[in-house]
């Protein structure tokens, strides 16, 4: 009886061991097959090629092309004195009635801007000779010794960064953020106001006679990113009455910034979800997705300065979205986390920043003040 029981126990143990070993190999095989198909385990070169390819796709470009062609067609029409109203045009175009006769440079500037909107990473090296003479109204093309780019994050509150910010040779601020009452945290000095053309549009609506868009003083130069082709109307209107330089970002630079941010957004998506990079578009409104004004201002500083400090870029659990407003949420069209990853790479791994490294440009030292 004992022998029989012993045999049964040995058989049970053998069966359990067999089941355990079989289960181990089945799980191992399934796990291997699953992981083998994860995009994060691509060869780095293969994944990078995919990210580069997808970064070059801009679904919003077709709409921009239609806007520009529509405006140029209207301008080139010999009988057109204002924008023709067409039923299926975007509201921003249908509501514009600025007479073209008062804007003789409109067609030339829009056509030049539109035709120049091409990818060329070497544009980062052109920023200094392109813009410093215009900003300073001199022939100087020597880089600024130190630059501070002041973001609008609520993390600036109680930071006491004001004096440090003002100690920089050149200070860039974003989208007319208020500084009165916040000087101890954000400083008081402004050498360049960087805005997107939606801000300029609002300035023009408030004051069509003088287009007042200079909270930092009438002598402070303004650099503008053109969001919509129709905003060239406001640019020309405002430029005619503006005392300080009113500059437009080089369209080649716009394309570079667009690819940079999309690359980092795609990379973040793959790393955090383990999904194919092609699935990124299912989580974003591709036509609206865009880099922030702050990101482009940072890249302006990278191209024009010997040393760059970033303030007010980032977020904390209890911090306001903006230090100067009550806005609570981020805009869906920006991927701020991807932009923060870019800033970290600029500061710690500048040699690995995509697109820029292919241009031969040497990224200056960058410090993040969080």
Protein backbone atom coordinates (compact mmCIF):
# COMPACT_ATOMS: atom_id res chain seq x y z
CA UNK A 1 0.00 0.00 0.00
CA UNK A 2 2.82 2.35 0.93
CA UNK A 3 4.60 1.54 -2.30
CA UNK A 4 1.46 2.31 -4.30
CA UNK A 5 1.02 5.63 -2.51
CA UNK A 6 4.67 6.52 -3.13
CA UNK A 7 4.30 5.79 -6.82
CA UNK A 8 1.20 7.97 -7.04
CA UNK A 9 2.98 10.84 -5.27
CA UNK A 10 5.98 10.55 -7.59
CA UNK A 11 3.64 10.60 -10.60
CA UNK A 12 1.89 13.71 -9.26
CA UNK A 13 5.21 15.44 -8.68
CA UNK A 14 6.38 14.51 -12.18
CA UNK A 15 3.13 15.75 -13.68
CA UNK A 16 3.35 19.03 -11.78
CA UNK A 17 6.97 19.44 -12.85
CA UNK A 18 6.02 18.72 -16.46
CA UNK A 19 3.19 21.26 -16.30
CA UNK A 20 5.49 23.86 -14.73
CA UNK A 21 8.23 23.37 -17.32
CA UNK A 22 5.75 23.35 -20.20
CA UNK A 23 4.04 26.49 -18.89
CA UNK A 24 7.40 28.23 -18.52
CA UNK A 25 8.35 27.58 -22.13
CA UNK A 26 4.89 28.54 -23.42
CA UNK A 27 4.95 31.83 -21.49
CA UNK A 28 8.54 32.49 -22.57
CA UNK A 29 7.63 31.90 -26.22
CA UNK A 30 4.55 34.11 -26.05
CA UNK A 31 6.44 36.84 -24.24
CA UNK A 32 9.26 36.70 -26.78
CA UNK A 33 6.84 36.91 -29.68
CA UNK A 34 5.00 39.84 -28.09
CA UNK A 35 8.14 41.78 -27.31
CA UNK A 36 9.66 40.99 -30.67
CA UNK A 37 6.90 42.98 -32.28
CA UNK A 38 7.11 45.94 -29.91
CA UNK A 39 8.26 49.04 -31.80
CA UNK A 40 10.54 49.99 -28.91
CA UNK A 41 12.63 46.91 -29.67
CA UNK A 42 13.23 47.88 -33.27
CA UNK A 43 16.84 48.42 -34.09
CA UNK A 44 17.48 52.03 -33.12
CA UNK A 45 18.28 52.94 -36.72
CA UNK A 46 15.05 51.38 -38.01
CA UNK A 47 12.90 53.18 -35.44
CA UNK A 48 14.74 56.43 -36.05
CA UNK A 49 14.14 56.18 -39.79
CA UNK A 50 10.42 55.73 -39.13
CA UNK A 51 10.32 58.72 -36.77
CA UNK A 52 12.16 60.88 -39.29
CA UNK A 53 9.81 59.83 -42.08
CA UNK A 54 6.66 60.52 -40.06
CA UNK A 55 8.05 63.82 -38.76
CA UNK A 56 8.24 65.09 -42.32
CA UNK A 57 4.50 64.62 -42.88
CA UNK A 58 2.45 67.75 -42.23
CA UNK A 59 -1.28 67.15 -42.81
CA UNK A 60 -2.00 70.83 -42.20
CA UNK A 61 0.21 71.89 -45.10
CA UNK A 62 -2.54 71.30 -47.66
CA UNK A 63 -4.89 73.73 -45.91
CA UNK A 64 -2.12 76.31 -45.63
CA UNK A 65 -1.41 75.93 -49.33
CA UNK A 66 -5.09 76.49 -50.16
CA UNK A 67 -5.18 79.62 -48.00
CA UNK A 68 -2.05 81.06 -49.60
CA UNK A 69 -3.18 80.25 -53.15
CA UNK A 70 -6.59 81.77 -52.49
CA UNK A 71 -5.08 84.98 -51.15
CA UNK A 72 -2.52 85.24 -53.94
CA UNK A 73 -5.21 84.62 -56.54
CA UNK A 74 -7.27 87.43 -55.05
CA UNK A 75 -4.28 89.75 -54.88
CA UNK A 76 -3.18 89.04 -58.45
CA UNK A 77 -6.66 89.65 -59.82
CA UNK A 78 -6.54 92.98 -61.64
CA UNK A 79 -10.02 93.95 -60.43
CA UNK A 80 -9.60 92.83 -56.82
CA UNK A 81 -9.44 95.61 -54.25
CA UNK A 82 -10.40 93.37 -51.34
CA UNK A 83 -10.71 89.68 -50.62
CA UNK A 84 -13.51 88.02 -52.61
CA UNK A 85 -16.04 86.23 -50.45
CA UNK A 86 -16.35 82.56 -51.28
CA UNK A 87 -18.82 80.27 -49.63
CA UNK A 88 -16.43 77.45 -48.79
CA UNK A 89 -13.46 79.48 -47.61
CA UNK A 90 -12.44 79.42 -43.93
CA UNK A 91 -14.18 82.01 -41.77
CA UNK A 92 -10.87 83.79 -41.13
CA UNK A 93 -10.56 84.43 -44.87
CA UNK A 94 -14.21 85.23 -45.51
CA UNK A 95 -14.22 87.83 -42.75
CA UNK A 96 -11.19 89.72 -44.06
CA UNK A 97 -11.95 92.88 -46.02
CA UNK A 98 -8.61 94.70 -45.89
CA UNK A 99 -8.22 96.53 -49.24
CA UNK A 100 -5.23 95.16 -51.12
CA UNK A 101 -4.50 98.58 -52.65
CA UNK A 102 -3.36 99.76 -49.23
CA UNK A 103 -1.03 96.75 -48.92
CA UNK A 104 1.19 96.89 -52.01
CA UNK A 105 3.72 94.43 -50.54
CA UNK A 106 1.15 91.81 -49.59
CA UNK A 107 1.49 89.59 -52.66
CA UNK A 108 5.28 89.76 -52.75
CA UNK A 109 5.72 88.93 -49.06
CA UNK A 110 3.14 86.15 -48.99
CA UNK A 111 4.52 84.55 -52.16
CA UNK A 112 8.10 84.76 -50.88
CA UNK A 113 7.10 83.30 -47.51
CA UNK A 114 5.07 80.50 -49.03
CA UNK A 115 7.70 79.48 -51.59
CA UNK A 116 10.42 79.50 -48.91
CA UNK A 117 8.54 77.12 -46.61
CA UNK A 118 10.87 74.19 -47.19
CA UNK A 119 12.96 71.92 -44.98
CA UNK A 120 16.55 73.07 -44.55
CA UNK A 121 18.15 72.32 -41.15
CA UNK A 122 21.02 74.70 -41.89
CA UNK A 123 18.64 77.59 -41.30
CA UNK A 124 19.61 77.38 -37.61
CA UNK A 125 23.00 78.83 -38.61
CA UNK A 126 21.31 81.65 -40.52
CA UNK A 127 19.30 83.05 -37.61
CA UNK A 128 22.09 85.23 -36.21
CA UNK A 129 23.06 87.03 -39.45
CA UNK A 130 19.40 87.25 -40.47
CA UNK A 131 17.96 88.76 -37.31
CA UNK A 132 20.56 90.40 -35.09
CA UNK A 133 21.19 93.33 -37.47
CA UNK A 134 17.42 93.90 -37.63
CA UNK A 135 16.96 93.63 -33.86
CA UNK A 136 19.86 95.92 -32.98
CA UNK A 137 19.61 98.20 -36.04
CA UNK A 138 23.37 97.74 -36.46
CA UNK A 139 25.66 95.60 -38.60
CA UNK A 140 26.57 93.33 -35.70
CA UNK A 141 26.36 89.59 -36.26
CA UNK A 142 28.24 88.56 -33.12
CA UNK A 143 26.18 86.19 -30.94
CA UNK A 144 24.67 87.43 -27.71
CA UNK A 145 26.86 86.40 -24.78
CA UNK A 146 23.97 85.12 -22.65
CA UNK A 147 20.26 84.76 -23.32
CA UNK A 148 17.29 84.07 -21.08
CA UNK A 149 14.08 82.70 -22.55
CA UNK A 150 11.26 83.29 -20.07
CA UNK A 151 8.37 80.85 -20.38
CA UNK A 152 4.97 81.43 -18.84
CA UNK A 153 4.67 78.41 -16.55
CA UNK A 154 3.24 78.83 -13.08
CA UNK A 155 6.43 77.29 -11.66
CA UNK A 156 7.90 80.81 -11.84
CA UNK A 157 5.71 81.97 -8.94
CA UNK A 158 7.88 82.40 -5.82
CA UNK A 159 10.97 81.35 -7.78
CA UNK A 160 12.83 84.63 -7.11
CA UNK A 161 14.48 84.32 -10.54
CA UNK A 162 13.91 87.97 -11.45
CA UNK A 163 17.42 89.33 -10.86
CA UNK A 164 19.03 86.28 -12.48
CA UNK A 165 16.86 86.69 -15.57
CA UNK A 166 17.68 90.40 -15.86
CA UNK A 167 21.41 89.69 -15.56
CA UNK A 168 21.41 88.08 -19.01
CA UNK A 169 22.59 90.01 -22.04
CA UNK A 170 19.39 89.28 -24.00
CA UNK A 171 15.94 88.40 -22.61
CA UNK A 172 13.12 86.90 -24.69
CA UNK A 173 9.51 86.86 -23.47
CA UNK A 174 6.47 85.07 -24.87
CA UNK A 175 3.05 86.13 -26.11
CA UNK A 176 2.93 89.44 -24.25
CA UNK A 177 2.95 87.80 -20.81
CA UNK A 178 2.45 90.37 -18.07
CA UNK A 179 5.46 91.21 -15.92
CA UNK A 180 4.04 93.98 -13.70
CA UNK A 181 3.60 92.58 -10.22
CA UNK A 182 5.82 89.57 -10.97
CA UNK A 183 9.22 91.24 -11.40
CA UNK A 184 10.83 89.43 -8.46
CA UNK A 185 10.06 86.10 -10.13
CA UNK A 186 10.22 86.87 -13.87
CA UNK A 187 12.37 90.00 -14.08
CA UNK A 188 11.65 93.29 -15.81
CA UNK A 189 14.04 93.30 -18.77
CA UNK A 190 12.82 92.48 -22.29
CA UNK A 191 14.95 92.61 -25.44
CA UNK A 192 12.68 90.61 -27.74
CA UNK A 193 8.98 89.86 -27.59
CA UNK A 194 8.15 86.57 -29.32
CA UNK A 195 4.50 86.10 -30.30
CA UNK A 196 2.44 83.99 -32.67
CA UNK A 197 0.35 85.79 -35.25
CA UNK A 198 -2.88 85.01 -33.40
CA UNK A 199 -1.66 87.44 -30.73
CA UNK A 200 -0.91 90.02 -33.42
CA UNK A 201 -4.40 89.51 -34.82
CA UNK A 202 -5.90 90.27 -31.39
CA UNK A 203 -3.74 93.40 -31.10
CA UNK A 204 -4.97 94.59 -34.49
CA UNK A 205 -8.60 93.98 -33.53
CA UNK A 206 -8.19 96.05 -30.36
CA UNK A 207 -6.57 99.00 -32.11
CA UNK A 208 -6.83 99.11 -35.90
CA UNK A 209 -5.34 102.61 -36.08
CA UNK A 210 -2.11 101.96 -34.19
CA UNK A 211 -2.06 98.17 -33.72
CA UNK A 212 -0.65 98.48 -30.23
CA UNK A 213 1.09 95.19 -29.45
CA UNK A 214 4.02 96.18 -27.27
CA UNK A 215 3.42 95.78 -23.52
CA UNK A 216 7.19 95.89 -23.00
CA UNK A 217 7.55 99.31 -24.60
CA UNK A 218 7.24 100.64 -28.15
CA UNK A 219 10.98 100.23 -28.76
CA UNK A 220 11.03 96.48 -28.01
CA UNK A 221 11.45 94.40 -31.19
CA UNK A 222 8.81 91.76 -31.89
CA UNK A 223 9.31 88.44 -33.64
CA UNK A 224 6.23 86.76 -35.05
CA UNK A 225 5.46 83.24 -36.15
CA UNK A 226 2.80 83.32 -38.89
CA UNK A 227 0.08 80.79 -37.97
CA UNK A 228 -2.26 81.57 -40.87
CA UNK A 229 -1.53 83.12 -44.25
CA UNK A 230 -4.28 85.71 -43.74
CA UNK A 231 -2.30 87.18 -40.83
CA UNK A 232 0.04 88.83 -43.33
CA UNK A 233 -2.71 91.45 -43.56
CA UNK A 234 -2.27 92.28 -39.87
CA UNK A 235 1.49 92.10 -40.16
CA UNK A 236 1.63 94.71 -42.92
CA UNK A 237 -0.95 96.90 -41.22
CA UNK A 238 0.92 96.81 -37.89
CA UNK A 239 4.36 97.09 -39.44
CA UNK A 240 3.45 100.38 -41.11
CA UNK A 241 2.82 102.02 -37.73
CA UNK A 242 5.21 100.11 -35.49
CA UNK A 243 8.26 101.98 -34.21
CA UNK A 244 10.38 98.94 -33.39
CA UNK A 245 11.31 96.09 -35.77
CA UNK A 246 8.47 93.67 -36.50
CA UNK A 247 10.12 90.46 -37.68
CA UNK A 248 8.72 87.26 -39.18
CA UNK A 249 10.32 83.90 -38.46
CA UNK A 250 12.01 82.36 -41.47
CA UNK A 251 9.60 79.78 -42.96
CA UNK A 252 12.47 77.29 -43.23
CA UNK A 253 12.90 77.69 -39.48
CA UNK A 254 9.18 77.03 -38.98
CA UNK A 255 9.54 73.72 -40.83
CA UNK A 256 12.57 72.73 -38.76
CA UNK A 257 10.72 73.44 -35.50
CA UNK A 258 7.70 71.52 -36.72
CA UNK A 259 9.76 68.42 -37.48
CA UNK A 260 11.65 68.62 -34.20
CA UNK A 261 8.52 68.68 -32.05
CA UNK A 262 6.73 66.01 -34.04
CA UNK A 263 9.79 63.75 -33.79
CA UNK A 264 9.87 64.09 -30.00
CA UNK A 265 6.11 63.61 -29.75
CA UNK A 266 6.29 60.42 -31.83
CA UNK A 267 9.23 59.17 -29.79
CA UNK A 268 7.41 59.83 -26.52
CA UNK A 269 4.31 58.05 -27.82
CA UNK A 270 6.29 54.92 -28.74
CA UNK A 271 8.24 54.84 -25.47
CA UNK A 272 5.20 55.36 -23.24
CA UNK A 273 2.67 53.16 -25.03
CA UNK A 274 4.78 50.53 -26.80
CA UNK A 275 2.59 51.05 -29.86
CA UNK A 276 3.66 51.57 -33.45
CA UNK A 277 4.64 55.16 -34.28
CA UNK A 278 2.11 55.14 -37.12
CA UNK A 279 -0.63 54.94 -34.48
CA UNK A 280 0.36 58.33 -33.06
CA UNK A 281 -2.08 60.06 -35.42
CA UNK A 282 -4.98 58.27 -33.71
CA UNK A 283 -4.24 60.20 -30.52
CA UNK A 284 -3.67 63.64 -32.05
CA UNK A 285 -5.51 66.08 -34.29
CA UNK A 286 -2.76 66.05 -36.89
CA UNK A 287 -3.92 69.16 -38.72
CA UNK A 288 -3.94 71.19 -35.51
CA UNK A 289 -0.87 69.67 -33.83
CA UNK A 290 1.85 72.25 -33.51
CA UNK A 291 4.85 73.41 -31.56
CA UNK A 292 4.38 76.11 -28.95
CA UNK A 293 5.60 79.70 -29.19
CA UNK A 294 7.96 78.93 -26.32
CA UNK A 295 9.62 76.09 -28.16
CA UNK A 296 10.35 78.26 -31.18
CA UNK A 297 11.65 81.08 -28.99
CA UNK A 298 14.03 78.59 -27.35
CA UNK A 299 15.35 77.57 -30.76
CA UNK A 300 15.79 81.25 -31.70
CA UNK A 301 18.00 81.65 -28.64
CA UNK A 302 19.89 78.46 -29.51
CA UNK A 303 20.73 79.96 -32.89
CA UNK A 304 21.71 83.43 -31.67
CA UNK A 305 23.38 83.05 -28.27
CA UNK A 306 26.62 81.75 -26.77
CA UNK A 307 24.84 80.58 -23.63
CA UNK A 308 21.11 79.99 -23.05
CA UNK A 309 19.07 79.82 -19.84
CA UNK A 310 15.46 78.63 -19.79
CA UNK A 311 13.05 79.82 -17.10
CA UNK A 312 9.40 78.88 -16.68
CA UNK A 313 9.43 75.77 -18.85
CA UNK A 314 7.92 72.82 -17.03
CA UNK A 315 5.17 72.15 -14.54
CA UNK A 316 4.56 70.96 -11.00
CA UNK A 317 1.55 69.32 -9.40
CA UNK A 318 0.30 72.40 -7.57
CA UNK A 319 1.53 75.06 -9.98
CA UNK A 320 -0.75 77.16 -12.19
CA UNK A 321 -0.53 76.61 -15.93
CA UNK A 322 0.52 80.25 -16.48
CA UNK A 323 2.02 82.44 -13.79
CA UNK A 324 0.02 85.45 -14.98
CA UNK A 325 -3.40 83.94 -15.84
CA UNK A 326 -5.94 81.55 -14.35
CA UNK A 327 -5.77 79.16 -17.29
CA UNK A 328 -5.86 75.64 -15.88
CA UNK A 329 -5.29 73.30 -18.80
CA UNK A 330 -2.80 72.94 -21.60
CA UNK A 331 -3.84 73.35 -25.22
CA UNK A 332 -4.38 70.04 -27.00
CA UNK A 333 -2.54 71.19 -30.11
CA UNK A 334 0.79 71.23 -28.20
CA UNK A 335 2.72 68.29 -26.75
CA UNK A 336 4.50 70.07 -23.91
CA UNK A 337 6.01 66.86 -22.52
CA UNK A 338 7.67 66.22 -25.88
CA UNK A 339 9.00 69.78 -25.88
CA UNK A 340 10.39 69.31 -22.36
CA UNK A 341 12.20 66.21 -23.62
CA UNK A 342 13.71 68.33 -26.39
CA UNK A 343 14.91 70.91 -23.86
CA UNK A 344 16.51 68.19 -21.75
CA UNK A 345 18.34 66.84 -24.78
CA UNK A 346 19.47 70.33 -25.75
CA UNK A 347 20.94 70.71 -22.26
CA UNK A 348 22.38 67.23 -21.67
CA UNK A 349 22.76 65.53 -25.07
CA UNK A 350 23.10 68.31 -27.66
CA UNK A 351 25.01 66.06 -30.03
CA UNK A 352 21.96 63.78 -30.30
CA UNK A 353 19.28 66.36 -31.12
CA UNK A 354 17.82 65.22 -34.46
CA UNK A 355 17.82 67.43 -37.55
CA UNK A 356 20.02 70.04 -35.87
CA UNK A 357 22.93 67.61 -35.62
CA UNK A 358 22.66 67.05 -39.38
CA UNK A 359 23.14 70.76 -40.04
CA UNK A 360 26.66 70.95 -38.62
CA UNK A 361 25.52 73.59 -36.11
CA UNK A 362 27.02 73.43 -32.62
CA UNK A 363 24.39 73.85 -29.91
CA UNK A 364 25.52 76.26 -27.17
CA UNK A 365 25.47 75.39 -23.45
CA UNK A 366 21.91 75.42 -22.11
CA UNK A 367 20.73 75.52 -18.50
CA UNK A 368 17.20 74.63 -17.37
CA UNK A 369 15.99 76.49 -14.30
CA UNK A 370 13.11 74.39 -12.99
